[in-house]
Amino acid sequence: RFTISRDNAKNTLYLEMNTLKPDDTAVYSCNWFDRR
């Protein structure tokens, strides 16, 4: 249902969410890890 993608030229991360359900209700945050 969900697809993560990355546009390196734009330095942007995406999350495409389809067939959403009430249980998907939440605060969504992006994260990047490199030593922290």
Full PDB file with SEQRES, HELIX, SHEET, SSBOND, CRYST1, ORIGX, SCALE, CONECT and MASTER records, all heavy atoms in Angstrom:
SEQRES   1 A   36  ARG PHE THR ILE SER ARG ASP ASN ALA LYS ASN THR LEU          
SEQRES   2 A   36  TYR LEU GLU MET ASN THR LEU LYS PRO ASP ASP THR ALA          
SEQRES   3 A   36  VAL TYR SER CYS ASN TRP PHE ASP ARG ARG                      
HELIX    1 AA1 PRO A   22  ASP A   24  5                                   3    
SHEET    1 AA1 2 PHE A   2  ASP A   7  0                                        
SHEET    2 AA1 2 THR A  12  MET A  17 -1                                        
CRYST1    1.000    1.000    1.000  90.00  90.00  90.00 P 1           1          
ORIGX1      1.000000  0.000000  0.000000        0.00000                         
ORIGX2      0.000000  1.000000  0.000000        0.00000                         
ORIGX3      0.000000  0.000000  1.000000        0.00000                         
SCALE1      1.000000  0.000000  0.000000        0.00000                         
SCALE2      0.000000  1.000000  0.000000        0.00000                         
SCALE3      0.000000  0.000000  1.000000        0.00000                         
ATOM      1  N   ARG A   1       0.824  -1.220   0.000  1.00  0.00           N  
ATOM      2  CA  ARG A   1       0.000   0.000   0.000  1.00  0.00           C  
ATOM      3  C   ARG A   1       0.855   1.266   0.000  1.00  0.00           C  
ATOM      4  O   ARG A   1       0.467   2.274  -0.578  1.00  0.00           O  
ATOM      5  CB  ARG A   1      -0.921   0.023   1.224  1.00  0.00           C  
ATOM      6  CG  ARG A   1      -1.888  -1.141   1.308  1.00  0.00           C  
ATOM      7  CD  ARG A   1      -2.916  -0.923   2.416  1.00  0.00           C  
ATOM      8  NE  ARG A   1      -2.311  -0.843   3.736  1.00  0.00           N  
ATOM      9  CZ  ARG A   1      -2.456   0.208   4.558  1.00  0.00           C  
ATOM     10  NH1 ARG A   1      -3.184   1.248   4.179  1.00  0.00           N  
ATOM     11  NH2 ARG A   1      -1.891   0.205   5.761  1.00  0.00           N  
ATOM     12  N   PHE A   2       1.990   1.224   0.674  1.00  0.00           N  
ATOM     13  CA  PHE A   2       2.877   2.387   0.790  1.00  0.00           C  
ATOM     14  C   PHE A   2       4.126   2.172  -0.055  1.00  0.00           C  
ATOM     15  O   PHE A   2       4.641   1.049  -0.159  1.00  0.00           O  
ATOM     16  CB  PHE A   2       3.305   2.602   2.243  1.00  0.00           C  
ATOM     17  CG  PHE A   2       2.223   3.079   3.161  1.00  0.00           C  
ATOM     18  CD1 PHE A   2       0.890   3.071   2.814  1.00  0.00           C  
ATOM     19  CD2 PHE A   2       2.562   3.555   4.429  1.00  0.00           C  
ATOM     20  CE1 PHE A   2      -0.103   3.518   3.680  1.00  0.00           C  
ATOM     21  CE2 PHE A   2       1.587   4.001   5.313  1.00  0.00           C  
ATOM     22  CZ  PHE A   2       0.258   3.976   4.931  1.00  0.00           C  
ATOM     23  N   THR A   3       4.615   3.265  -0.628  1.00  0.00           N  
ATOM     24  CA  THR A   3       5.840   3.207  -1.408  1.00  0.00           C  
ATOM     25  C   THR A   3       6.735   4.375  -1.027  1.00  0.00           C  
ATOM     26  O   THR A   3       6.311   5.544  -1.109  1.00  0.00           O  
ATOM     27  CB  THR A   3       5.551   3.269  -2.915  1.00  0.00           C  
ATOM     28  OG1 THR A   3       4.688   2.184  -3.278  1.00  0.00           O  
ATOM     29  CG2 THR A   3       6.837   3.170  -3.717  1.00  0.00           C  
ATOM     30  N   ILE A   4       7.954   4.071  -0.645  1.00  0.00           N  
ATOM     31  CA  ILE A   4       8.936   5.107  -0.344  1.00  0.00           C  
ATOM     32  C   ILE A   4       9.801   5.334  -1.580  1.00  0.00           C  
ATOM     33  O   ILE A   4      10.113   4.396  -2.316  1.00  0.00           O  
ATOM     34  CB  ILE A   4       9.808   4.714   0.874  1.00  0.00           C  
ATOM     35  CG1 ILE A   4      10.686   5.884   1.313  1.00  0.00           C  
ATOM     36  CG2 ILE A   4      10.633   3.464   0.595  1.00  0.00           C  
ATOM     37  CD1 ILE A   4      11.412   5.641   2.632  1.00  0.00           C  
ATOM     38  N   SER A   5      10.134   6.591  -1.812  1.00  0.00           N  
ATOM     39  CA  SER A   5      11.010   6.902  -2.933  1.00  0.00           C  
ATOM     40  C   SER A   5      11.847   8.123  -2.575  1.00  0.00           C  
ATOM     41  O   SER A   5      11.562   8.834  -1.606  1.00  0.00           O  
ATOM     42  CB  SER A   5      10.220   7.150  -4.216  1.00  0.00           C  
ATOM     43  OG  SER A   5       9.336   8.240  -4.067  1.00  0.00           O  
ATOM     44  N   ARG A   6      12.839   8.342  -3.405  1.00  0.00           N  
ATOM     45  CA  ARG A   6      13.791   9.415  -3.119  1.00  0.00           C  
ATOM     46  C   ARG A   6      14.171  10.076  -4.433  1.00  0.00           C  
ATOM     47  O   ARG A   6      14.482   9.385  -5.406  1.00  0.00           O  
ATOM     48  CB  ARG A   6      15.022   8.805  -2.439  1.00  0.00           C  
ATOM     49  CG  ARG A   6      16.085   9.736  -1.963  1.00  0.00           C  
ATOM     50  CD  ARG A   6      17.206   8.953  -1.303  1.00  0.00           C  
ATOM     51  NE  ARG A   6      17.896   8.095  -2.251  1.00  0.00           N  
ATOM     52  CZ  ARG A   6      18.471   6.932  -1.931  1.00  0.00           C  
ATOM     53  NH1 ARG A   6      18.422   6.492  -0.688  1.00  0.00           N  
ATOM     54  NH2 ARG A   6      19.095   6.219  -2.842  1.00  0.00           N  
ATOM     55  N   ASP A   7      14.125  11.380  -4.473  1.00  0.00           N  
ATOM     56  CA  ASP A   7      14.575  12.142  -5.626  1.00  0.00           C  
ATOM     57  C   ASP A   7      15.906  12.773  -5.245  1.00  0.00           C  
ATOM     58  O   ASP A   7      15.943  13.749  -4.496  1.00  0.00           O  
ATOM     59  CB  ASP A   7      13.546  13.201  -5.996  1.00  0.00           C  
ATOM     60  CG  ASP A   7      13.901  13.935  -7.282  1.00  0.00           C  
ATOM     61  OD1 ASP A   7      15.102  14.129  -7.560  1.00  0.00           O  
ATOM     62  OD2 ASP A   7      12.972  14.331  -8.005  1.00  0.00           O  
ATOM     63  N   ASN A   8      16.975  12.187  -5.736  1.00  0.00           N  
ATOM     64  CA  ASN A   8      18.304  12.664  -5.330  1.00  0.00           C  
ATOM     65  C   ASN A   8      18.580  14.081  -5.835  1.00  0.00           C  
ATOM     66  O   ASN A   8      19.243  14.863  -5.144  1.00  0.00           O  
ATOM     67  CB  ASN A   8      19.377  11.712  -5.838  1.00  0.00           C  
ATOM     68  CG  ASN A   8      19.291  10.350  -5.177  1.00  0.00           C  
ATOM     69  OD1 ASN A   8      18.747  10.211  -4.084  1.00  0.00           O  
ATOM     70  ND2 ASN A   8      19.817   9.331  -5.844  1.00  0.00           N  
ATOM     71  N   ALA A   9      18.077  14.404  -7.002  1.00  0.00           N  
ATOM     72  CA  ALA A   9      18.311  15.739  -7.550  1.00  0.00           C  
ATOM     73  C   ALA A   9      17.642  16.814  -6.694  1.00  0.00           C  
ATOM     74  O   ALA A   9      18.183  17.905  -6.514  1.00  0.00           O  
ATOM     75  CB  ALA A   9      17.800  15.815  -8.977  1.00  0.00           C  
ATOM     76  N   LYS A  10      16.474  16.496  -6.162  1.00  0.00           N  
ATOM     77  CA  LYS A  10      15.746  17.453  -5.322  1.00  0.00           C  
ATOM     78  C   LYS A  10      16.059  17.258  -3.840  1.00  0.00           C  
ATOM     79  O   LYS A  10      15.597  18.036  -3.009  1.00  0.00           O  
ATOM     80  CB  LYS A  10      14.244  17.316  -5.547  1.00  0.00           C  
ATOM     81  CG  LYS A  10      13.791  17.683  -6.946  1.00  0.00           C  
ATOM     82  CD  LYS A  10      12.284  17.564  -7.077  1.00  0.00           C  
ATOM     83  CE  LYS A  10      11.824  17.961  -8.468  1.00  0.00           C  
ATOM     84  NZ  LYS A  10      10.355  17.846  -8.628  1.00  0.00           N  
ATOM     85  N   ASN A  11      16.806  16.197  -3.522  1.00  0.00           N  
ATOM     86  CA  ASN A  11      17.112  15.865  -2.132  1.00  0.00           C  
ATOM     87  C   ASN A  11      15.835  15.796  -1.295  1.00  0.00           C  
ATOM     88  O   ASN A  11      15.720  16.395  -0.221  1.00  0.00           O  
ATOM     89  CB  ASN A  11      18.091  16.874  -1.522  1.00  0.00           C  
ATOM     90  CG  ASN A  11      18.827  16.321  -0.324  1.00  0.00           C  
ATOM     91  OD1 ASN A  11      18.992  15.106  -0.181  1.00  0.00           O  
ATOM     92  ND2 ASN A  11      19.272  17.207   0.562  1.00  0.00           N  
ATOM     93  N   THR A  12      14.868  15.061  -1.842  1.00  0.00           N  
ATOM     94  CA  THR A  12      13.545  14.963  -1.229  1.00  0.00           C  
ATOM     95  C   THR A  12      13.129  13.505  -1.116  1.00  0.00           C  
ATOM     96  O   THR A  12      13.375  12.713  -2.034  1.00  0.00           O  
ATOM     97  CB  THR A  12      12.501  15.747  -2.048  1.00  0.00           C  
ATOM     98  OG1 THR A  12      12.894  17.125  -2.096  1.00  0.00           O  
ATOM     99  CG2 THR A  12      11.115  15.644  -1.439  1.00  0.00           C  
ATOM    100  N   LEU A  13      12.529  13.195  -0.008  1.00  0.00           N  
ATOM    101  CA  LEU A  13      12.027  11.848   0.278  1.00  0.00           C  
ATOM    102  C   LEU A  13      10.512  11.876   0.164  1.00  0.00           C  
ATOM    103  O   LEU A  13       9.877  12.867   0.575  1.00  0.00           O  
ATOM    104  CB  LEU A  13      12.443  11.451   1.693  1.00  0.00           C  
ATOM    105  CG  LEU A  13      12.261  10.007   2.125  1.00  0.00           C  
ATOM    106  CD1 LEU A  13      13.204   9.095   1.351  1.00  0.00           C  
ATOM    107  CD2 LEU A  13      12.499   9.890   3.624  1.00  0.00           C  
ATOM    108  N   TYR A  14       9.938  10.802  -0.381  1.00  0.00           N  
ATOM    109  CA  TYR A  14       8.488  10.739  -0.566  1.00  0.00           C  
ATOM    110  C   TYR A  14       7.927   9.478   0.077  1.00  0.00           C  
ATOM    111  O   TYR A  14       8.620   8.468   0.221  1.00  0.00           O  
ATOM    112  CB  TYR A  14       8.137  10.730  -2.058  1.00  0.00           C  
ATOM    113  CG  TYR A  14       8.613  11.936  -2.815  1.00  0.00           C  
ATOM    114  CD1 TYR A  14       9.800  11.901  -3.539  1.00  0.00           C  
ATOM    115  CD2 TYR A  14       7.873  13.120  -2.810  1.00  0.00           C  
ATOM    116  CE1 TYR A  14      10.252  13.012  -4.228  1.00  0.00           C  
ATOM    117  CE2 TYR A  14       8.313  14.232  -3.505  1.00  0.00           C  
ATOM    118  CZ  TYR A  14       9.494  14.170  -4.209  1.00  0.00           C  
ATOM    119  OH  TYR A  14       9.937  15.278  -4.890  1.00  0.00           O  
ATOM    120  N   LEU A  15       6.668   9.556   0.428  1.00  0.00           N  
ATOM    121  CA  LEU A  15       5.928   8.380   0.861  1.00  0.00           C  
ATOM    122  C   LEU A  15       4.560   8.427   0.189  1.00  0.00           C  
ATOM    123  O   LEU A  15       3.722   9.263   0.531  1.00  0.00           O  
ATOM    124  CB  LEU A  15       5.766   8.334   2.379  1.00  0.00           C  
ATOM    125  CG  LEU A  15       5.060   7.083   2.902  1.00  0.00           C  
ATOM    126  CD1 LEU A  15       5.946   5.843   2.686  1.00  0.00           C  
ATOM    127  CD2 LEU A  15       4.704   7.223   4.387  1.00  0.00           C  
ATOM    128  N   GLU A  16       4.372   7.547  -0.766  1.00  0.00           N  
ATOM    129  CA  GLU A  16       3.075   7.429  -1.428  1.00  0.00           C  
ATOM    130  C   GLU A  16       2.254   6.414  -0.653  1.00  0.00           C  
ATOM    131  O   GLU A  16       2.682   5.288  -0.431  1.00  0.00           O  
ATOM    132  CB  GLU A  16       3.245   6.972  -2.872  1.00  0.00           C  
ATOM    133  CG  GLU A  16       1.941   6.813  -3.622  1.00  0.00           C  
ATOM    134  CD  GLU A  16       2.145   6.307  -5.036  1.00  0.00           C  
ATOM    135  OE1 GLU A  16       3.297   6.229  -5.495  1.00  0.00           O  
ATOM    136  OE2 GLU A  16       1.143   5.949  -5.682  1.00  0.00           O  
ATOM    137  N   MET A  17       1.075   6.847  -0.234  1.00  0.00           N  
ATOM    138  CA  MET A  17       0.210   5.992   0.579  1.00  0.00           C  
ATOM    139  C   MET A  17      -1.105   5.774  -0.151  1.00  0.00           C  
ATOM    140  O   MET A  17      -1.811   6.749  -0.454  1.00  0.00           O  
ATOM    141  CB  MET A  17      -0.039   6.635   1.944  1.00  0.00           C  
ATOM    142  CG  MET A  17       1.237   7.000   2.692  1.00  0.00           C  
ATOM    143  SD  MET A  17       0.944   7.645   4.340  1.00  0.00           S  
ATOM    144  CE  MET A  17       0.172   9.213   3.934  1.00  0.00           C  
ATOM    145  N   ASN A  18      -1.424   4.537  -0.412  1.00  0.00           N  
ATOM    146  CA  ASN A  18      -2.654   4.172  -1.106  1.00  0.00           C  
ATOM    147  C   ASN A  18      -3.514   3.275  -0.222  1.00  0.00           C  
ATOM    148  O   ASN A  18      -3.025   2.687   0.746  1.00  0.00           O  
ATOM    149  CB  ASN A  18      -2.322   3.458  -2.414  1.00  0.00           C  
ATOM    150  CG  ASN A  18      -1.559   4.330  -3.383  1.00  0.00           C  
ATOM    151  OD1 ASN A  18      -1.938   5.467  -3.636  1.00  0.00           O  
ATOM    152  ND2 ASN A  18      -0.466   3.811  -3.917  1.00  0.00           N  
ATOM    153  N   THR A  19      -4.769   3.176  -0.598  1.00  0.00           N  
ATOM    154  CA  THR A  19      -5.726   2.335   0.138  1.00  0.00           C  
ATOM    155  C   THR A  19      -5.624   2.597   1.643  1.00  0.00           C  
ATOM    156  O   THR A  19      -5.463   1.673   2.457  1.00  0.00           O  
ATOM    157  CB  THR A  19      -5.477   0.843  -0.166  1.00  0.00           C  
ATOM    158  OG1 THR A  19      -5.160   0.657  -1.544  1.00  0.00           O  
ATOM    159  CG2 THR A  19      -6.726   0.018   0.156  1.00  0.00           C  
ATOM    160  N   LEU A  20      -5.694   3.837   1.989  1.00  0.00           N  
ATOM    161  CA  LEU A  20      -5.516   4.217   3.388  1.00  0.00           C  
ATOM    162  C   LEU A  20      -6.649   3.697   4.266  1.00  0.00           C  
ATOM    163  O   LEU A  20      -7.811   3.603   3.822  1.00  0.00           O  
ATOM    164  CB  LEU A  20      -5.406   5.734   3.510  1.00  0.00           C  
ATOM    165  CG  LEU A  20      -4.030   6.294   3.111  1.00  0.00           C  
ATOM    166  CD1 LEU A  20      -4.113   7.781   2.808  1.00  0.00           C  
ATOM    167  CD2 LEU A  20      -3.012   6.023   4.197  1.00  0.00           C  
ATOM    168  N   LYS A  21      -6.298   3.377   5.487  1.00  0.00           N  
ATOM    169  CA  LYS A  21      -7.246   2.845   6.460  1.00  0.00           C  
ATOM    170  C   LYS A  21      -7.279   3.771   7.684  1.00  0.00           C  
ATOM    171  O   LYS A  21      -6.295   4.463   7.956  1.00  0.00           O  
ATOM    172  CB  LYS A  21      -6.790   1.454   6.916  1.00  0.00           C  
ATOM    173  CG  LYS A  21      -6.560   0.463   5.798  1.00  0.00           C  
ATOM    174  CD  LYS A  21      -5.982  -0.833   6.337  1.00  0.00           C  
ATOM    175  CE  LYS A  21      -5.702  -1.832   5.231  1.00  0.00           C  
ATOM    176  NZ  LYS A  21      -5.129  -3.089   5.775  1.00  0.00           N  
ATOM    177  N   PRO A  22      -8.356   3.746   8.448  1.00  0.00           N  
ATOM    178  CA  PRO A  22      -8.385   4.558   9.671  1.00  0.00           C  
ATOM    179  C   PRO A  22      -7.206   4.265  10.599  1.00  0.00           C  
ATOM    180  O   PRO A  22      -6.727   5.169  11.291  1.00  0.00           O  
ATOM    181  CB  PRO A  22      -9.722   4.172  10.300  1.00  0.00           C  
ATOM    182  CG  PRO A  22     -10.587   3.828   9.124  1.00  0.00           C  
ATOM    183  CD  PRO A  22      -9.667   3.131   8.149  1.00  0.00           C  
ATOM    184  N   ASP A  23      -6.723   3.034  10.608  1.00  0.00           N  
ATOM    185  CA  ASP A  23      -5.578   2.674  11.450  1.00  0.00           C  
ATOM    186  C   ASP A  23      -4.286   3.348  11.012  1.00  0.00           C  
ATOM    187  O   ASP A  23      -3.297   3.328  11.752  1.00  0.00           O  
ATOM    188  CB  ASP A  23      -5.362   1.157  11.458  1.00  0.00           C  
ATOM    189  CG  ASP A  23      -6.362   0.433  12.344  1.00  0.00           C  
ATOM    190  OD1 ASP A  23      -7.073   1.118  13.102  1.00  0.00           O  
ATOM    191  OD2 ASP A  23      -6.432  -0.803  12.267  1.00  0.00           O  
ATOM    192  N   ASP A  24      -4.281   3.933   9.825  1.00  0.00           N  
ATOM    193  CA  ASP A  24      -3.089   4.649   9.358  1.00  0.00           C  
ATOM    194  C   ASP A  24      -3.025   6.070   9.925  1.00  0.00           C  
ATOM    195  O   ASP A  24      -2.038   6.772   9.707  1.00  0.00           O  
ATOM    196  CB  ASP A  24      -3.082   4.723   7.825  1.00  0.00           C  
ATOM    197  CG  ASP A  24      -2.943   3.360   7.173  1.00  0.00           C  
ATOM    198  OD1 ASP A  24      -2.156   2.528   7.671  1.00  0.00           O  
ATOM    199  OD2 ASP A  24      -3.637   3.126   6.165  1.00  0.00           O  
ATOM    200  N   THR A  25      -4.051   6.483  10.623  1.00  0.00           N  
ATOM    201  CA  THR A  25      -4.073   7.814  11.219  1.00  0.00           C  
ATOM    202  C   THR A  25      -2.938   7.965  12.228  1.00  0.00           C  
ATOM    203  O   THR A  25      -2.794   7.164  13.150  1.00  0.00           O  
ATOM    204  CB  THR A  25      -5.411   8.072  11.924  1.00  0.00           C  
ATOM    205  OG1 THR A  25      -6.451   8.079  10.936  1.00  0.00           O  
ATOM    206  CG2 THR A  25      -5.407   9.402  12.659  1.00  0.00           C  
ATOM    207  N   ALA A  26      -2.113   8.992  12.014  1.00  0.00           N  
ATOM    208  CA  ALA A  26      -0.941   9.204  12.873  1.00  0.00           C  
ATOM    209  C   ALA A  26      -0.216  10.466  12.422  1.00  0.00           C  
ATOM    210  O   ALA A  26      -0.549  11.046  11.380  1.00  0.00           O  
ATOM    211  CB  ALA A  26       0.009   8.019  12.789  1.00  0.00           C  
ATOM    212  N   VAL A  27       0.763  10.852  13.206  1.00  0.00           N  
ATOM    213  CA  VAL A  27       1.713  11.870  12.767  1.00  0.00           C  
ATOM    214  C   VAL A  27       2.868  11.139  12.094  1.00  0.00           C  
ATOM    215  O   VAL A  27       3.481  10.235  12.684  1.00  0.00           O  
ATOM    216  CB  VAL A  27       2.233  12.707  13.954  1.00  0.00           C  
ATOM    217  CG1 VAL A  27       3.322  13.670  13.486  1.00  0.00           C  
ATOM    218  CG2 VAL A  27       1.091  13.478  14.602  1.00  0.00           C  
ATOM    219  N   TYR A  28       3.135  11.533  10.851  1.00  0.00           N  
ATOM    220  CA  TYR A  28       4.181  10.898  10.067  1.00  0.00           C  
ATOM    221  C   TYR A  28       5.417  11.803  10.047  1.00  0.00           C  
ATOM    222  O   TYR A  28       5.311  13.000   9.748  1.00  0.00           O  
ATOM    223  CB  TYR A  28       3.690  10.642   8.645  1.00  0.00           C  
ATOM    224  CG  TYR A  28       2.729   9.487   8.560  1.00  0.00           C  
ATOM    225  CD1 TYR A  28       1.446   9.595   9.078  1.00  0.00           C  
ATOM    226  CD2 TYR A  28       3.095   8.283   7.956  1.00  0.00           C  
ATOM    227  CE1 TYR A  28       0.556   8.532   9.009  1.00  0.00           C  
ATOM    228  CE2 TYR A  28       2.216   7.221   7.878  1.00  0.00           C  
ATOM    229  CZ  TYR A  28       0.954   7.348   8.411  1.00  0.00           C  
ATOM    230  OH  TYR A  28       0.068   6.288   8.353  1.00  0.00           O  
ATOM    231  N   SER A  29       6.566  11.197  10.312  1.00  0.00           N  
ATOM    232  CA  SER A  29       7.817  11.958  10.360  1.00  0.00           C  
ATOM    233  C   SER A  29       8.865  11.290   9.484  1.00  0.00           C  
ATOM    234  O   SER A  29       8.945  10.061   9.421  1.00  0.00           O  
ATOM    235  CB  SER A  29       8.355  12.034  11.791  1.00  0.00           C  
ATOM    236  OG  SER A  29       7.428  12.644  12.661  1.00  0.00           O  
ATOM    237  N   CYS A  30       9.665  12.115   8.835  1.00  0.00           N  
ATOM    238  CA  CYS A  30      10.770  11.544   8.082  1.00  0.00           C  
ATOM    239  C   CYS A  30      12.023  11.519   8.947  1.00  0.00           C  
ATOM    240  O   CYS A  30      12.161  12.299   9.902  1.00  0.00           O  
ATOM    241  CB  CYS A  30      11.012  12.284   6.768  1.00  0.00           C  
ATOM    242  SG  CYS A  30      11.554  13.991   6.934  1.00  0.00           S  
ATOM    243  N   ASN A  31      12.896  10.633   8.595  1.00  0.00           N  
ATOM    244  CA  ASN A  31      14.093  10.382   9.403  1.00  0.00           C  
ATOM    245  C   ASN A  31      15.274  10.134   8.479  1.00  0.00           C  
ATOM    246  O   ASN A  31      15.126   9.553   7.398  1.00  0.00           O  
ATOM    247  CB  ASN A  31      13.855   9.167  10.283  1.00  0.00           C  
ATOM    248  CG  ASN A  31      15.129   8.654  10.944  1.00  0.00           C  
ATOM    249  OD1 ASN A  31      15.875   7.848  10.377  1.00  0.00           O  
ATOM    250  ND2 ASN A  31      15.396   9.142  12.146  1.00  0.00           N  
ATOM    251  N   TRP A  32      16.436  10.614   8.911  1.00  0.00           N  
ATOM    252  CA  TRP A  32      17.681  10.339   8.200  1.00  0.00           C  
ATOM    253  C   TRP A  32      18.716   9.951   9.225  1.00  0.00           C  
ATOM    254  O   TRP A  32      18.833  10.588  10.284  1.00  0.00           O  
ATOM    255  CB  TRP A  32      18.125  11.566   7.421  1.00  0.00           C  
ATOM    256  CG  TRP A  32      19.317  11.333   6.544  1.00  0.00           C  
ATOM    257  CD1 TRP A  32      19.342  10.662   5.363  1.00  0.00           C  
ATOM    258  CD2 TRP A  32      20.650  11.788   6.781  1.00  0.00           C  
ATOM    259  NE1 TRP A  32      20.611  10.670   4.848  1.00  0.00           N  
ATOM    260  CE2 TRP A  32      21.434  11.354   5.685  1.00  0.00           C  
ATOM    261  CE3 TRP A  32      21.256  12.516   7.799  1.00  0.00           C  
ATOM    262  CZ2 TRP A  32      22.786  11.625   5.581  1.00  0.00           C  
ATOM    263  CZ3 TRP A  32      22.604  12.802   7.694  1.00  0.00           C  
ATOM    264  CH2 TRP A  32      23.362  12.344   6.601  1.00  0.00           C  
ATOM    265  N   PHE A  33      19.435   8.884   8.946  1.00  0.00           N  
ATOM    266  CA  PHE A  33      20.418   8.406   9.899  1.00  0.00           C  
ATOM    267  C   PHE A  33      21.793   8.333   9.264  1.00  0.00           C  
ATOM    268  O   PHE A  33      21.980   7.709   8.215  1.00  0.00           O  
ATOM    269  CB  PHE A  33      20.031   7.020  10.426  1.00  0.00           C  
ATOM    270  CG  PHE A  33      21.045   6.461  11.384  1.00  0.00           C  
ATOM    271  CD1 PHE A  33      21.015   6.847  12.719  1.00  0.00           C  
ATOM    272  CD2 PHE A  33      22.041   5.591  10.965  1.00  0.00           C  
ATOM    273  CE1 PHE A  33      21.958   6.363  13.603  1.00  0.00           C  
ATOM    274  CE2 PHE A  33      22.987   5.097  11.835  1.00  0.00           C  
ATOM    275  CZ  PHE A  33      22.943   5.485  13.167  1.00  0.00           C  
ATOM    276  N   ASP A  34      22.737   8.991   9.909  1.00  0.00           N  
ATOM    277  CA  ASP A  34      24.149   8.871   9.564  1.00  0.00           C  
ATOM    278  C   ASP A  34      24.920   9.174  10.846  1.00  0.00           C  
ATOM    279  O   ASP A  34      25.155  10.331  11.170  1.00  0.00           O  
ATOM    280  CB  ASP A  34      24.530   9.833   8.446  1.00  0.00           C  
ATOM    281  CG  ASP A  34      26.009   9.734   8.109  1.00  0.00           C  
ATOM    282  OD1 ASP A  34      26.550   8.613   8.155  1.00  0.00           O  
ATOM    283  OD2 ASP A  34      26.623  10.766   7.797  1.00  0.00           O  
ATOM    284  N   ARG A  35      25.218   8.167  11.606  1.00  0.00           N  
ATOM    285  CA  ARG A  35      25.862   8.229  12.924  1.00  0.00           C  
ATOM    286  C   ARG A  35      24.917   8.744  14.011  1.00  0.00           C  
ATOM    287  O   ARG A  35      25.129   8.483  15.193  1.00  0.00           O  
ATOM    288  CB  ARG A  35      27.131   9.090  12.891  1.00  0.00           C  
ATOM    289  CG  ARG A  35      28.250   8.455  12.078  1.00  0.00           C  
ATOM    290  CD  ARG A  35      29.440   9.350  11.976  1.00  0.00           C  
ATOM    291  NE  ARG A  35      29.170  10.514  11.139  1.00  0.00           N  
ATOM    292  CZ  ARG A  35      30.063  11.481  10.918  1.00  0.00           C  
ATOM    293  NH1 ARG A  35      31.244  11.444  11.496  1.00  0.00           N  
ATOM    294  NH2 ARG A  35      29.742  12.493  10.136  1.00  0.00           N  
ATOM    295  N   ARG A  36      23.877   9.452  13.619  1.00  0.00           N  
ATOM    296  CA  ARG A  36      22.831   9.840  14.566  1.00  0.00           C  
ATOM    297  C   ARG A  36      21.557  10.060  13.778  1.00  0.00           C  
ATOM    298  O   ARG A  36      21.576  10.190  12.550  1.00  0.00           O  
ATOM    299  CB  ARG A  36      23.205  11.096  15.357  1.00  0.00           C  
ATOM    300  CG  ARG A  36      23.543  12.314  14.516  1.00  0.00           C  
ATOM    301  CD  ARG A  36      23.230  13.616  15.215  1.00  0.00           C  
ATOM    302  NE  ARG A  36      21.790  13.867  15.260  1.00  0.00           N  
ATOM    303  CZ  ARG A  36      21.255  15.004  15.690  1.00  0.00           C  
ATOM    304  NH1 ARG A  36      22.033  15.965  16.145  1.00  0.00           N  
ATOM    305  NH2 ARG A  36      19.938  15.169  15.699  1.00  0.00           N  
TER     306      ARG A  36                                                      
MASTER        0    0    0    1    2    0    0    6  305    1    0    3          
END                                                                             
